[in-house]
Amino acid sequence: MVLPCDDKQLREEVCGRKTYQVDAINGGRLHESVEQGLANFFSRDIDLQIKIEMLKLSLLRENDWDVKLAFDELDSQD
């Protein structure tokens, strides 16, 4: 999604698959398989973010959880 559009060959090489032309000026659309792939990606990403937030809330409810202590443990200079 962040690759430049001006080098079709490089894009195809990096993606490992054919790229599709989109006529943005005349309101063209992405190929159906590309749209479906993006929709699936965003759906999974949203599900992951929801799960992460639920885990964060679960941690905050624990009596022995302390964000600063956890950070200090991970950010040690040793």
PDB file of N, CA and C in Angstrom:
ATOM      1  N   MET A   1       0.811  -1.196   0.000  1.00  0.00           N
ATOM      2  CA  MET A   1       0.000   0.000   0.000  1.00  0.00           C
ATOM      3  C   MET A   1       0.854   1.259   0.000  1.00  0.00           C
ATOM      4  N   VAL A   2       2.127   1.145   0.338  1.00  0.00           N
ATOM      5  CA  VAL A   2       2.958   2.334   0.396  1.00  0.00           C
ATOM      6  C   VAL A   2       4.003   2.372  -0.709  1.00  0.00           C
ATOM      7  N   LEU A   3       3.972   1.399  -1.621  1.00  0.00           N
ATOM      8  CA  LEU A   3       4.930   1.395  -2.719  1.00  0.00           C
ATOM      9  C   LEU A   3       4.560   2.468  -3.736  1.00  0.00           C
ATOM     10  N   PRO A   4       5.553   3.049  -4.397  1.00  0.00           N
ATOM     11  CA  PRO A   4       5.246   4.063  -5.403  1.00  0.00           C
ATOM     12  C   PRO A   4       4.505   3.442  -6.590  1.00  0.00           C
ATOM     13  N   CYS A   5       3.609   4.211  -7.169  1.00  0.00           N
ATOM     14  CA  CYS A   5       2.810   3.716  -8.297  1.00  0.00           C
ATOM     15  C   CYS A   5       3.499   3.941  -9.631  1.00  0.00           C
ATOM     16  N   ASP A   6       4.578   4.693  -9.653  1.00  0.00           N
ATOM     17  CA  ASP A   6       5.168   5.068 -10.933  1.00  0.00           C
ATOM     18  C   ASP A   6       6.131   4.032 -11.502  1.00  0.00           C
ATOM     19  N   ASP A   7       6.462   2.977 -10.758  1.00  0.00           N
ATOM     20  CA  ASP A   7       7.362   1.936 -11.265  1.00  0.00           C
ATOM     21  C   ASP A   7       6.650   0.590 -11.174  1.00  0.00           C
ATOM     22  N   LYS A   8       5.902   0.267 -12.245  1.00  0.00           N
ATOM     23  CA  LYS A   8       5.070  -0.932 -12.250  1.00  0.00           C
ATOM     24  C   LYS A   8       5.902  -2.200 -12.079  1.00  0.00           C
ATOM     25  N   GLN A   9       7.034  -2.279 -12.741  1.00  0.00           N
ATOM     26  CA  GLN A   9       7.861  -3.476 -12.668  1.00  0.00           C
ATOM     27  C   GLN A   9       8.392  -3.704 -11.254  1.00  0.00           C
ATOM     28  N   LEU A  10       8.891  -2.637 -10.617  1.00  0.00           N
ATOM     29  CA  LEU A  10       9.382  -2.749  -9.245  1.00  0.00           C
ATOM     30  C   LEU A  10       8.254  -3.182  -8.311  1.00  0.00           C
ATOM     31  N   ARG A  11       7.092  -2.613  -8.508  1.00  0.00           N
ATOM     32  CA  ARG A  11       5.932  -2.957  -7.694  1.00  0.00           C
ATOM     33  C   ARG A  11       5.582  -4.424  -7.830  1.00  0.00           C
ATOM     34  N   GLU A  12       5.542  -4.922  -9.056  1.00  0.00           N
ATOM     35  CA  GLU A  12       5.224  -6.331  -9.290  1.00  0.00           C
ATOM     36  C   GLU A  12       6.284  -7.233  -8.679  1.00  0.00           C
ATOM     37  N   GLU A  13       7.552  -6.828  -8.773  1.00  0.00           N
ATOM     38  CA  GLU A  13       8.648  -7.628  -8.220  1.00  0.00           C
ATOM     39  C   GLU A  13       8.555  -7.718  -6.699  1.00  0.00           C
ATOM     40  N   VAL A  14       8.310  -6.586  -6.061  1.00  0.00           N
ATOM     41  CA  VAL A  14       8.229  -6.549  -4.601  1.00  0.00           C
ATOM     42  C   VAL A  14       6.994  -7.305  -4.111  1.00  0.00           C
ATOM     43  N   CYS A  15       5.891  -7.114  -4.781  1.00  0.00           N
ATOM     44  CA  CYS A  15       4.648  -7.767  -4.365  1.00  0.00           C
ATOM     45  C   CYS A  15       4.620  -9.240  -4.738  1.00  0.00           C
ATOM     46  N   GLY A  16       5.404  -9.622  -5.727  1.00  0.00           N
ATOM     47  CA  GLY A  16       5.415 -11.009  -6.153  1.00  0.00           C
ATOM     48  C   GLY A  16       4.160 -11.405  -6.911  1.00  0.00           C
ATOM     49  N   ARG A  17       3.442 -10.425  -7.428  1.00  0.00           N
ATOM     50  CA  ARG A  17       2.228 -10.710  -8.192  1.00  0.00           C
ATOM     51  C   ARG A  17       1.944  -9.552  -9.138  1.00  0.00           C
ATOM     52  N   LYS A  18       1.083  -9.797 -10.072  1.00  0.00           N
ATOM     53  CA  LYS A  18       0.724  -8.791 -11.065  1.00  0.00           C
ATOM     54  C   LYS A  18      -0.002  -7.619 -10.410  1.00  0.00           C
ATOM     55  N   THR A  19       0.291  -6.421 -10.868  1.00  0.00           N
ATOM     56  CA  THR A  19      -0.443  -5.247 -10.413  1.00  0.00           C
ATOM     57  C   THR A  19      -1.514  -4.911 -11.443  1.00  0.00           C
ATOM     58  N   TYR A  20      -2.511  -4.192 -11.017  1.00  0.00           N
ATOM     59  CA  TYR A  20      -3.639  -3.856 -11.887  1.00  0.00           C
ATOM     60  C   TYR A  20      -3.707  -2.353 -12.099  1.00  0.00           C
ATOM     61  N   GLN A  21      -4.029  -1.963 -13.308  1.00  0.00           N
ATOM     62  CA  GLN A  21      -4.194  -0.545 -13.635  1.00  0.00           C
ATOM     63  C   GLN A  21      -5.479  -0.018 -12.993  1.00  0.00           C
ATOM     64  N   VAL A  22      -5.427   1.200 -12.485  1.00  0.00           N
ATOM     65  CA  VAL A  22      -6.607   1.854 -11.933  1.00  0.00           C
ATOM     66  C   VAL A  22      -6.719   3.220 -12.583  1.00  0.00           C
ATOM     67  N   ASP A  23      -7.871   3.502 -13.145  1.00  0.00           N
ATOM     68  CA  ASP A  23      -8.102   4.789 -13.800  1.00  0.00           C
ATOM     69  C   ASP A  23      -8.713   5.738 -12.778  1.00  0.00           C
ATOM     70  N   ALA A  24      -7.845   6.384 -11.998  1.00  0.00           N
ATOM     71  CA  ALA A  24      -8.308   7.256 -10.922  1.00  0.00           C
ATOM     72  C   ALA A  24      -9.029   8.488 -11.461  1.00  0.00           C
ATOM     73  N   ILE A  25      -8.638   8.954 -12.630  1.00  0.00           N
ATOM     74  CA  ILE A  25      -9.241  10.164 -13.187  1.00  0.00           C
ATOM     75  C   ILE A  25     -10.712   9.930 -13.514  1.00  0.00           C
ATOM     76  N   ASN A  26     -11.026   8.784 -14.077  1.00  0.00           N
ATOM     77  CA  ASN A  26     -12.406   8.485 -14.466  1.00  0.00           C
ATOM     78  C   ASN A  26     -13.138   7.641 -13.425  1.00  0.00           C
ATOM     79  N   GLY A  27     -12.624   7.576 -12.232  1.00  0.00           N
ATOM     80  CA  GLY A  27     -13.298   6.858 -11.148  1.00  0.00           C
ATOM     81  C   GLY A  27     -13.172   5.354 -11.242  1.00  0.00           C
ATOM     82  N   GLY A  28     -12.054   4.881 -11.791  1.00  0.00           N
ATOM     83  CA  GLY A  28     -11.847   3.438 -11.897  1.00  0.00           C
ATOM     84  C   GLY A  28     -11.686   2.800 -10.535  1.00  0.00           C
ATOM     85  N   ARG A  29     -11.847   1.502 -10.507  1.00  0.00           N
ATOM     86  CA  ARG A  29     -11.757   0.775  -9.247  1.00  0.00           C
ATOM     87  C   ARG A  29     -10.602  -0.206  -9.296  1.00  0.00           C
ATOM     88  N   LEU A  30     -10.185  -0.630  -8.112  1.00  0.00           N
ATOM     89  CA  LEU A  30      -9.184  -1.682  -8.019  1.00  0.00           C
ATOM     90  C   LEU A  30      -9.797  -2.992  -8.492  1.00  0.00           C
ATOM     91  N   HIS A  31      -8.950  -3.913  -8.871  1.00  0.00           N
ATOM     92  CA  HIS A  31      -9.441  -5.241  -9.244  1.00  0.00           C
ATOM     93  C   HIS A  31     -10.161  -5.839  -8.042  1.00  0.00           C
ATOM     94  N   GLU A  32     -11.187  -6.618  -8.303  1.00  0.00           N
ATOM     95  CA  GLU A  32     -12.007  -7.187  -7.238  1.00  0.00           C
ATOM     96  C   GLU A  32     -11.192  -7.975  -6.217  1.00  0.00           C
ATOM     97  N   SER A  33     -10.201  -8.726  -6.699  1.00  0.00           N
ATOM     98  CA  SER A  33      -9.383  -9.519  -5.772  1.00  0.00           C
ATOM     99  C   SER A  33      -8.536  -8.627  -4.872  1.00  0.00           C
ATOM    100  N   VAL A  34      -8.108  -7.492  -5.397  1.00  0.00           N
ATOM    101  CA  VAL A  34      -7.316  -6.551  -4.597  1.00  0.00           C
ATOM    102  C   VAL A  34      -8.203  -5.911  -3.537  1.00  0.00           C
ATOM    103  N   GLU A  35      -9.400  -5.487  -3.927  1.00  0.00           N
ATOM    104  CA  GLU A  35     -10.332  -4.903  -2.956  1.00  0.00           C
ATOM    105  C   GLU A  35     -10.642  -5.893  -1.839  1.00  0.00           C
ATOM    106  N   GLN A  36     -10.885  -7.152  -2.213  1.00  0.00           N
ATOM    107  CA  GLN A  36     -11.205  -8.177  -1.212  1.00  0.00           C
ATOM    108  C   GLN A  36     -10.013  -8.412  -0.287  1.00  0.00           C
ATOM    109  N   GLY A  37      -8.807  -8.440  -0.852  1.00  0.00           N
ATOM    110  CA  GLY A  37      -7.612  -8.625  -0.039  1.00  0.00           C
ATOM    111  C   GLY A  37      -7.412  -7.497   0.955  1.00  0.00           C
ATOM    112  N   LEU A  38      -7.629  -6.260   0.503  1.00  0.00           N
ATOM    113  CA  LEU A  38      -7.503  -5.109   1.404  1.00  0.00           C
ATOM    114  C   LEU A  38      -8.571  -5.144   2.493  1.00  0.00           C
ATOM    115  N   ALA A  39      -9.796  -5.500   2.108  1.00  0.00           N
ATOM    116  CA  ALA A  39     -10.877  -5.580   3.093  1.00  0.00           C
ATOM    117  C   ALA A  39     -10.552  -6.630   4.150  1.00  0.00           C
ATOM    118  N   ASN A  40     -10.026  -7.777   3.724  1.00  0.00           N
ATOM    119  CA  ASN A  40      -9.652  -8.826   4.679  1.00  0.00           C
ATOM    120  C   ASN A  40      -8.526  -8.360   5.589  1.00  0.00           C
ATOM    121  N   PHE A  41      -7.542  -7.676   5.015  1.00  0.00           N
ATOM    122  CA  PHE A  41      -6.421  -7.169   5.814  1.00  0.00           C
ATOM    123  C   PHE A  41      -6.909  -6.197   6.884  1.00  0.00           C
ATOM    124  N   PHE A  42      -7.725  -5.227   6.472  1.00  0.00           N
ATOM    125  CA  PHE A  42      -8.213  -4.234   7.433  1.00  0.00           C
ATOM    126  C   PHE A  42      -9.105  -4.869   8.488  1.00  0.00           C
ATOM    127  N   SER A  43      -9.905  -5.845   8.095  1.00  0.00           N
ATOM    128  CA  SER A  43     -10.763  -6.532   9.058  1.00  0.00           C
ATOM    129  C   SER A  43      -9.923  -7.253  10.110  1.00  0.00           C
ATOM    130  N   ARG A  44      -8.885  -7.962   9.663  1.00  0.00           N
ATOM    131  CA  ARG A  44      -8.015  -8.665  10.619  1.00  0.00           C
ATOM    132  C   ARG A  44      -7.265  -7.681  11.507  1.00  0.00           C
ATOM    133  N   ASP A  45      -6.845  -6.551  10.933  1.00  0.00           N
ATOM    134  CA  ASP A  45      -6.127  -5.551  11.726  1.00  0.00           C
ATOM    135  C   ASP A  45      -7.040  -4.955  12.797  1.00  0.00           C
ATOM    136  N   ILE A  46      -8.266  -4.667  12.437  1.00  0.00           N
ATOM    137  CA  ILE A  46      -9.219  -4.127  13.411  1.00  0.00           C
ATOM    138  C   ILE A  46      -9.463  -5.143  14.524  1.00  0.00           C
ATOM    139  N   ASP A  47      -9.655  -6.416  14.148  1.00  0.00           N
ATOM    140  CA  ASP A  47      -9.847  -7.466  15.161  1.00  0.00           C
ATOM    141  C   ASP A  47      -8.648  -7.547  16.104  1.00  0.00           C
ATOM    142  N   LEU A  48      -7.435  -7.448  15.544  1.00  0.00           N
ATOM    143  CA  LEU A  48      -6.223  -7.490  16.369  1.00  0.00           C
ATOM    144  C   LEU A  48      -6.175  -6.314  17.332  1.00  0.00           C
ATOM    145  N   GLN A  49      -6.491  -5.114  16.846  1.00  0.00           N
ATOM    146  CA  GLN A  49      -6.458  -3.934  17.712  1.00  0.00           C
ATOM    147  C   GLN A  49      -7.476  -4.040  18.841  1.00  0.00           C
ATOM    148  N   ILE A  50      -8.640  -4.597  18.557  1.00  0.00           N
ATOM    149  CA  ILE A  50      -9.659  -4.797  19.598  1.00  0.00           C
ATOM    150  C   ILE A  50      -9.147  -5.780  20.648  1.00  0.00           C
ATOM    151  N   LYS A  51      -8.538  -6.872  20.209  1.00  0.00           N
ATOM    152  CA  LYS A  51      -7.993  -7.855  21.150  1.00  0.00           C
ATOM    153  C   LYS A  51      -6.896  -7.249  22.019  1.00  0.00           C
ATOM    154  N   ILE A  52      -6.031  -6.433  21.410  1.00  0.00           N
ATOM    155  CA  ILE A  52      -4.965  -5.775  22.170  1.00  0.00           C
ATOM    156  C   ILE A  52      -5.559  -4.859  23.232  1.00  0.00           C
ATOM    157  N   GLU A  53      -6.567  -4.081  22.861  1.00  0.00           N
ATOM    158  CA  GLU A  53      -7.197  -3.176  23.833  1.00  0.00           C
ATOM    159  C   GLU A  53      -7.853  -3.961  24.965  1.00  0.00           C
ATOM    160  N   MET A  54      -8.468  -5.094  24.639  1.00  0.00           N
ATOM    161  CA  MET A  54      -9.091  -5.921  25.676  1.00  0.00           C
ATOM    162  C   MET A  54      -8.033  -6.478  26.628  1.00  0.00           C
ATOM    163  N   LEU A  55      -6.885  -6.884  26.078  1.00  0.00           N
ATOM    164  CA  LEU A  55      -5.795  -7.367  26.933  1.00  0.00           C
ATOM    165  C   LEU A  55      -5.252  -6.260  27.825  1.00  0.00           C
ATOM    166  N   LYS A  56      -5.151  -5.062  27.283  1.00  0.00           N
ATOM    167  CA  LYS A  56      -4.688  -3.924  28.095  1.00  0.00           C
ATOM    168  C   LYS A  56      -5.649  -3.671  29.259  1.00  0.00           C
ATOM    169  N   LEU A  57      -6.938  -3.675  28.964  1.00  0.00           N
ATOM    170  CA  LEU A  57      -7.933  -3.459  30.029  1.00  0.00           C
ATOM    171  C   LEU A  57      -7.866  -4.566  31.070  1.00  0.00           C
ATOM    172  N   SER A  58      -7.668  -5.786  30.618  1.00  0.00           N
ATOM    173  CA  SER A  58      -7.547  -6.917  31.531  1.00  0.00           C
ATOM    174  C   SER A  58      -6.348  -6.735  32.465  1.00  0.00           C
ATOM    175  N   LEU A  59      -5.235  -6.288  31.918  1.00  0.00           N
ATOM    176  CA  LEU A  59      -4.048  -6.038  32.747  1.00  0.00           C
ATOM    177  C   LEU A  59      -4.299  -4.937  33.770  1.00  0.00           C
ATOM    178  N   LEU A  60      -4.954  -3.872  33.339  1.00  0.00           N
ATOM    179  CA  LEU A  60      -5.204  -2.747  34.242  1.00  0.00           C
ATOM    180  C   LEU A  60      -6.111  -3.141  35.406  1.00  0.00           C
ATOM    181  N   ARG A  61      -6.933  -4.154  35.228  1.00  0.00           N
ATOM    182  CA  ARG A  61      -7.826  -4.612  36.302  1.00  0.00           C
ATOM    183  C   ARG A  61      -7.110  -5.456  37.353  1.00  0.00           C
ATOM    184  N   GLU A  62      -5.942  -5.954  37.029  1.00  0.00           N
ATOM    185  CA  GLU A  62      -5.189  -6.783  37.969  1.00  0.00           C
ATOM    186  C   GLU A  62      -4.617  -5.923  39.094  1.00  0.00           C
ATOM    187  N   ASN A  63      -4.729  -6.414  40.317  1.00  0.00           N
ATOM    188  CA  ASN A  63      -4.260  -5.651  41.483  1.00  0.00           C
ATOM    189  C   ASN A  63      -2.749  -5.489  41.499  1.00  0.00           C
ATOM    190  N   ASP A  64      -2.026  -6.494  41.013  1.00  0.00           N
ATOM    191  CA  ASP A  64      -0.565  -6.433  41.092  1.00  0.00           C
ATOM    192  C   ASP A  64       0.087  -5.857  39.829  1.00  0.00           C
ATOM    193  N   TRP A  65      -0.682  -5.291  38.935  1.00  0.00           N
ATOM    194  CA  TRP A  65      -0.135  -4.724  37.699  1.00  0.00           C
ATOM    195  C   TRP A  65       0.245  -3.261  37.920  1.00  0.00           C
ATOM    196  N   ASP A  66       1.451  -2.908  37.516  1.00  0.00           N
ATOM    197  CA  ASP A  66       1.918  -1.530  37.616  1.00  0.00           C
ATOM    198  C   ASP A  66       2.641  -1.187  36.312  1.00  0.00           C
ATOM    199  N   VAL A  67       2.103  -0.238  35.588  1.00  0.00           N
ATOM    200  CA  VAL A  67       2.657   0.128  34.283  1.00  0.00           C
ATOM    201  C   VAL A  67       4.097   0.608  34.419  1.00  0.00           C
ATOM    202  N   LYS A  68       4.373   1.442  35.423  1.00  0.00           N
ATOM    203  CA  LYS A  68       5.718   1.982  35.578  1.00  0.00           C
ATOM    204  C   LYS A  68       6.721   0.874  35.884  1.00  0.00           C
ATOM    205  N   LEU A  69       6.366  -0.051  36.760  1.00  0.00           N
ATOM    206  CA  LEU A  69       7.272  -1.160  37.069  1.00  0.00           C
ATOM    207  C   LEU A  69       7.528  -2.025  35.833  1.00  0.00           C
ATOM    208  N   ALA A  70       6.496  -2.264  35.068  1.00  0.00           N
ATOM    209  CA  ALA A  70       6.662  -3.058  33.841  1.00  0.00           C
ATOM    210  C   ALA A  70       7.575  -2.329  32.858  1.00  0.00           C
ATOM    211  N   PHE A  71       7.375  -1.031  32.701  1.00  0.00           N
ATOM    212  CA  PHE A  71       8.222  -0.248  31.805  1.00  0.00           C
ATOM    213  C   PHE A  71       9.660  -0.247  32.288  1.00  0.00           C
ATOM    214  N   ASP A  72       9.845  -0.031  33.583  1.00  0.00           N
ATOM    215  CA  ASP A  72      11.200  -0.031  34.137  1.00  0.00           C
ATOM    216  C   ASP A  72      11.903  -1.365  33.922  1.00  0.00           C
ATOM    217  N   GLU A  73      11.136  -2.442  34.020  1.00  0.00           N
ATOM    218  CA  GLU A  73      11.714  -3.775  33.810  1.00  0.00           C
ATOM    219  C   GLU A  73      12.187  -3.954  32.366  1.00  0.00           C
ATOM    220  N   LEU A  74      11.413  -3.453  31.426  1.00  0.00           N
ATOM    221  CA  LEU A  74      11.766  -3.578  30.012  1.00  0.00           C
ATOM    222  C   LEU A  74      12.814  -2.565  29.573  1.00  0.00           C
ATOM    223  N   ASP A  75      12.861  -1.428  30.233  1.00  0.00           N
ATOM    224  CA  ASP A  75      13.743  -0.336  29.814  1.00  0.00           C
ATOM    225  C   ASP A  75      14.996  -0.248  30.678  1.00  0.00           C
ATOM    226  N   SER A  76      15.459  -1.372  31.166  1.00  0.00           N
ATOM    227  CA  SER A  76      16.634  -1.329  32.030  1.00  0.00           C
ATOM    228  C   SER A  76      17.891  -1.004  31.232  1.00  0.00           C
ATOM    229  N   GLN A  77      18.858  -0.419  31.878  1.00  0.00           N
ATOM    230  CA  GLN A  77      20.114  -0.024  31.256  1.00  0.00           C
ATOM    231  C   GLN A  77      21.205  -1.063  31.469  1.00  0.00           C
ATOM    232  N   ASP A  78      20.865  -2.201  32.035  1.00  0.00           N
ATOM    233  CA  ASP A  78      21.865  -3.226  32.360  1.00  0.00           C
ATOM    234  C   ASP A  78      22.393  -3.897  31.144  1.00  0.00           C
TER     235      ASP A  78
END
